[in-house]
Amino acid sequence: EYGEGLDALSAPPKDVAAFKRVLEDPNLGGFDPANVTALINPSLAEMREKIEDLFSQSSKCDLVLLYFSGHGITDNNNRLYLTTHNTSKERFRSRSVPASFIQDLSDDTYAKRQVIILDCCYSGAFAEGWQRKGDVKVELERELGKEGRVVLTSSSSTQVSFQQEDADLSLYTQYFLEGIETGAADENQDGIVTVRELHSYAKQKVQKVKPNMK
């Protein structure tokens, strides 16, 4: 649900429920249910506080995962904002969570393994202009068991993402989870779905439905 000028979306609550199910499945995500927090229609304060808790309360050995489904809005400088239930078209800056808020927390956390997944319009703008501390280049390793930060987005910085009329889930999330649950994303058939394989699978599936998507 959203404020004036933004259409309500039916898929995000279902996206979150499906993502939670996969994360908590011991044969798939393997996350302890006690460590998974799902927010549906959060207020601005609640969303900021829970995201802050996620990063600030994590230790060096933790794997931090943040998933967002909903409206994404960019300003005239291509800065991304993640909406809350009281975000309106005219009040998106003061009633949304700016990408910079998450980026700062991500840079400051002790957690060495981080996954940020954004299924929203203009989500590719999230990483644009991200200023890293120091000059150390962090390469994305093939397995999540290695250290590094992964940002997966359902669209480029200038494109909208899609909620299908004939499907329960958002397009990117649908195929992202399908790749895990069915094992179809395991390209080399080694029994492990890597982050590269998973994004590649979802990307190919989305582009079959929406050929111009990036």
Protein backbone atom coordinates (compact mmCIF):
# COMPACT_ATOMS: atom_id res chain seq x y z
CA GLU A 1 0.00 0.00 0.00
CA TYR A 2 1.20 3.50 -0.82
CA GLY A 3 0.29 7.14 -0.51
CA GLU A 4 -1.23 9.47 -3.05
CA GLY A 5 0.04 9.15 -6.61
CA LEU A 6 1.52 5.64 -6.27
CA ASP A 7 -0.44 2.56 -7.31
CA ALA A 8 -0.90 -0.26 -4.81
CA LEU A 9 0.97 -3.45 -5.72
CA SER A 10 -0.38 -6.95 -5.06
CA ALA A 11 2.85 -8.87 -5.66
CA PRO A 12 5.28 -7.58 -2.98
CA PRO A 13 3.58 -9.24 0.06
CA LYS A 14 3.55 -12.53 -1.86
CA ASP A 15 7.16 -11.98 -2.97
CA VAL A 16 8.24 -11.54 0.64
CA ALA A 17 6.31 -14.62 1.81
CA ALA A 18 7.82 -16.75 -0.97
CA PHE A 19 11.32 -15.45 -0.29
CA LYS A 20 10.91 -16.15 3.42
CA ARG A 21 9.79 -19.71 2.69
CA VAL A 22 12.85 -20.40 0.54
CA LEU A 23 15.29 -18.81 2.99
CA GLU A 24 13.95 -20.88 5.90
CA ASP A 25 13.86 -24.18 4.00
CA PRO A 26 16.74 -26.24 5.44
CA ASN A 27 17.39 -27.79 2.03
CA LEU A 28 17.48 -24.45 0.21
CA GLY A 29 18.30 -21.24 2.07
CA GLY A 30 19.16 -22.87 5.36
CA PHE A 31 18.50 -19.69 7.36
CA ASP A 32 17.37 -20.00 10.97
CA PRO A 33 13.75 -18.72 11.05
CA ALA A 34 14.67 -16.70 14.14
CA ASN A 35 17.06 -14.70 11.97
CA VAL A 36 14.57 -13.90 9.19
CA THR A 37 12.45 -10.75 9.51
CA ALA A 38 9.65 -10.01 7.05
CA LEU A 39 8.16 -6.51 6.84
CA ILE A 40 4.86 -5.95 5.02
CA ASN A 41 3.77 -2.34 4.53
CA PRO A 42 6.33 -1.00 7.00
CA SER A 43 6.38 2.61 8.11
CA LEU A 44 9.45 4.67 7.27
CA ALA A 45 10.76 4.48 10.85
CA GLU A 46 10.22 0.71 11.09
CA MET A 47 11.91 0.02 7.77
CA ARG A 48 14.94 2.17 8.58
CA GLU A 49 15.31 0.66 12.06
CA LYS A 50 15.08 -2.96 10.86
CA ILE A 51 17.59 -2.36 8.06
CA GLU A 52 19.91 -0.68 10.54
CA ASP A 53 19.55 -3.61 12.95
CA LEU A 54 20.33 -6.08 10.16
CA PHE A 55 23.68 -4.51 9.36
CA SER A 56 24.72 -3.06 12.72
CA GLN A 57 24.00 -6.20 14.77
CA SER A 58 25.84 -8.57 12.44
CA SER A 59 29.20 -10.14 13.17
CA LYS A 60 32.16 -10.85 10.92
CA CYS A 61 31.06 -14.44 10.29
CA ASP A 62 27.46 -13.62 9.40
CA LEU A 63 25.88 -13.69 5.96
CA VAL A 64 23.65 -10.62 5.69
CA LEU A 65 20.82 -10.69 3.14
CA LEU A 66 18.49 -7.77 2.40
CA TYR A 67 15.59 -8.24 -0.04
CA PHE A 68 13.20 -5.53 -1.17
CA SER A 69 10.11 -5.71 -3.38
CA GLY A 70 8.02 -2.64 -4.08
CA HIS A 71 8.12 0.73 -5.81
CA GLY A 72 11.52 2.24 -6.50
CA ILE A 73 11.75 5.95 -7.30
CA THR A 74 14.67 8.01 -8.58
CA ASP A 75 15.16 11.76 -8.30
CA ASN A 76 16.55 14.07 -10.97
CA ASN A 77 20.09 13.03 -10.02
CA ASN A 78 19.31 9.32 -10.51
CA ARG A 79 19.45 8.59 -6.78
CA LEU A 80 17.28 5.64 -5.77
CA TYR A 81 14.66 5.63 -2.99
CA LEU A 82 12.92 2.50 -1.64
CA THR A 83 9.31 3.27 -0.79
CA THR A 84 7.30 2.63 2.39
CA HIS A 85 3.52 2.44 2.86
CA ASN A 86 3.25 6.17 3.49
CA THR A 87 5.42 7.21 0.54
CA SER A 88 3.57 9.47 -1.90
CA LYS A 89 4.58 10.72 -5.32
CA GLU A 90 5.20 14.22 -3.97
CA ARG A 91 6.79 13.09 -0.67
CA PHE A 92 9.11 10.30 -1.77
CA ARG A 93 12.30 11.92 -0.45
CA SER A 94 11.07 12.38 3.12
CA ARG A 95 9.00 9.17 3.28
CA SER A 96 11.30 6.65 1.60
CA VAL A 97 14.59 4.95 2.43
CA PRO A 98 17.38 6.35 0.22
CA ALA A 99 19.87 3.91 -1.24
CA SER A 100 22.65 5.90 0.42
CA PHE A 101 21.28 4.91 3.85
CA ILE A 102 21.74 1.22 3.01
CA GLN A 103 25.08 1.80 1.31
CA ASP A 104 26.51 3.50 4.40
CA LEU A 105 25.34 0.67 6.66
CA SER A 106 26.71 -1.90 4.23
CA ASP A 107 30.11 -0.20 4.29
CA ASP A 108 30.16 0.01 8.10
CA THR A 109 28.96 -3.49 9.04
CA TYR A 110 31.31 -6.18 10.35
CA ALA A 111 29.69 -8.81 8.12
CA LYS A 112 32.05 -9.84 5.35
CA ARG A 113 29.38 -11.55 3.23
CA GLN A 114 26.47 -9.42 2.05
CA VAL A 115 23.69 -9.98 -0.47
CA ILE A 116 21.37 -7.12 -1.46
CA ILE A 117 18.47 -8.03 -3.79
CA LEU A 118 16.21 -5.29 -5.15
CA ASP A 119 13.09 -6.10 -7.18
CA CYS A 120 11.88 -2.61 -8.01
CA CYS A 121 11.88 -0.05 -10.79
CA TYR A 122 15.20 1.70 -11.47
CA SER A 123 16.96 -0.64 -9.03
CA GLY A 124 20.14 -0.53 -11.10
CA ALA A 125 20.63 3.01 -9.81
CA PHE A 126 21.44 1.53 -6.39
CA ALA A 127 25.11 0.90 -7.07
CA GLU A 128 25.79 3.86 -9.31
CA GLY A 129 28.20 6.28 -7.68
CA TRP A 130 28.77 4.02 -4.67
CA GLN A 131 31.88 5.35 -2.97
CA ARG A 132 33.94 2.57 -1.43
CA LYS A 133 36.14 3.15 1.57
CA GLY A 134 39.80 3.11 0.69
CA ASP A 135 41.05 1.78 -2.63
CA VAL A 136 40.66 -1.96 -2.05
CA LYS A 137 38.91 -3.66 -4.95
CA VAL A 138 36.47 -6.34 -3.84
CA GLU A 139 36.00 -9.04 -6.44
CA LEU A 140 32.83 -11.12 -6.48
CA GLU A 141 33.80 -14.69 -5.69
CA ARG A 142 31.96 -17.59 -7.26
CA GLU A 143 30.59 -19.03 -4.01
CA LEU A 144 28.91 -17.11 -1.22
CA GLY A 145 31.20 -18.92 1.19
CA LYS A 146 33.85 -16.45 0.13
CA GLU A 147 33.96 -12.83 1.28
CA GLY A 148 32.32 -10.08 -0.72
CA ARG A 149 29.23 -8.02 -1.38
CA VAL A 150 26.69 -8.92 -4.04
CA VAL A 151 24.03 -6.52 -5.37
CA LEU A 152 21.36 -8.05 -7.62
CA THR A 153 18.80 -5.79 -9.29
CA SER A 154 15.74 -6.55 -11.39
CA SER A 155 16.27 -3.62 -13.76
CA SER A 156 18.75 -1.02 -14.93
CA SER A 157 18.89 2.48 -13.51
CA THR A 158 16.46 3.74 -16.16
CA GLN A 159 13.97 0.88 -16.47
CA VAL A 160 10.80 -0.17 -14.72
CA SER A 161 10.33 -3.67 -13.29
CA PHE A 162 7.23 -5.75 -13.82
CA GLN A 163 4.37 -7.27 -11.87
CA GLN A 164 2.68 -9.80 -14.15
CA GLU A 165 -1.10 -9.73 -14.36
CA ASP A 166 -1.40 -13.51 -14.57
CA ALA A 167 1.17 -14.38 -11.88
CA ASP A 168 1.32 -13.98 -8.11
CA LEU A 169 4.96 -12.89 -7.91
CA SER A 170 6.98 -10.08 -9.44
CA LEU A 171 8.75 -11.18 -12.62
CA TYR A 172 12.35 -11.17 -11.37
CA THR A 173 11.49 -12.68 -7.98
CA GLN A 174 9.44 -15.43 -9.63
CA TYR A 175 12.36 -16.70 -11.69
CA PHE A 176 14.94 -15.99 -9.00
CA LEU A 177 13.14 -18.32 -6.59
CA GLU A 178 12.30 -20.81 -9.34
CA GLY A 179 16.01 -21.18 -10.07
CA ILE A 180 16.62 -22.14 -6.44
CA GLU A 181 13.57 -24.32 -5.77
CA THR A 182 13.78 -26.37 -8.96
CA GLY A 183 17.57 -26.39 -9.20
CA ALA A 184 17.24 -25.19 -12.79
CA ALA A 185 19.75 -22.40 -12.19
CA ASP A 186 22.54 -24.94 -11.47
CA GLU A 187 24.21 -24.59 -14.87
CA ASN A 188 27.13 -26.93 -14.25
CA GLN A 189 25.04 -29.48 -12.33
CA ASP A 190 27.38 -29.55 -9.33
CA GLY A 191 24.55 -29.41 -6.79
CA ILE A 192 25.25 -25.80 -5.86
CA VAL A 193 23.45 -22.75 -7.25
CA THR A 194 25.98 -19.93 -7.20
CA VAL A 195 25.00 -16.28 -7.18
CA ARG A 196 26.25 -15.83 -10.75
CA GLU A 197 24.25 -18.82 -11.96
CA LEU A 198 21.13 -17.65 -10.16
CA HIS A 199 21.15 -14.10 -11.53
CA SER A 200 21.99 -15.40 -15.00
CA TYR A 201 19.02 -17.79 -14.88
CA ALA A 202 16.59 -15.12 -13.68
CA LYS A 203 17.92 -12.64 -16.24
CA GLN A 204 17.44 -15.05 -19.15
CA LYS A 205 13.92 -15.95 -18.04
CA VAL A 206 12.89 -12.32 -17.58
CA GLN A 207 14.26 -11.37 -20.98
CA LYS A 208 12.21 -14.10 -22.66
CA VAL A 209 9.10 -12.38 -21.34
CA LYS A 210 10.42 -8.81 -21.63
CA PRO A 211 13.14 -8.86 -24.35
CA ASN A 212 14.21 -5.25 -23.76
CA MET A 213 14.85 -5.67 -20.03
CA LYS A 214 18.36 -5.15 -18.71
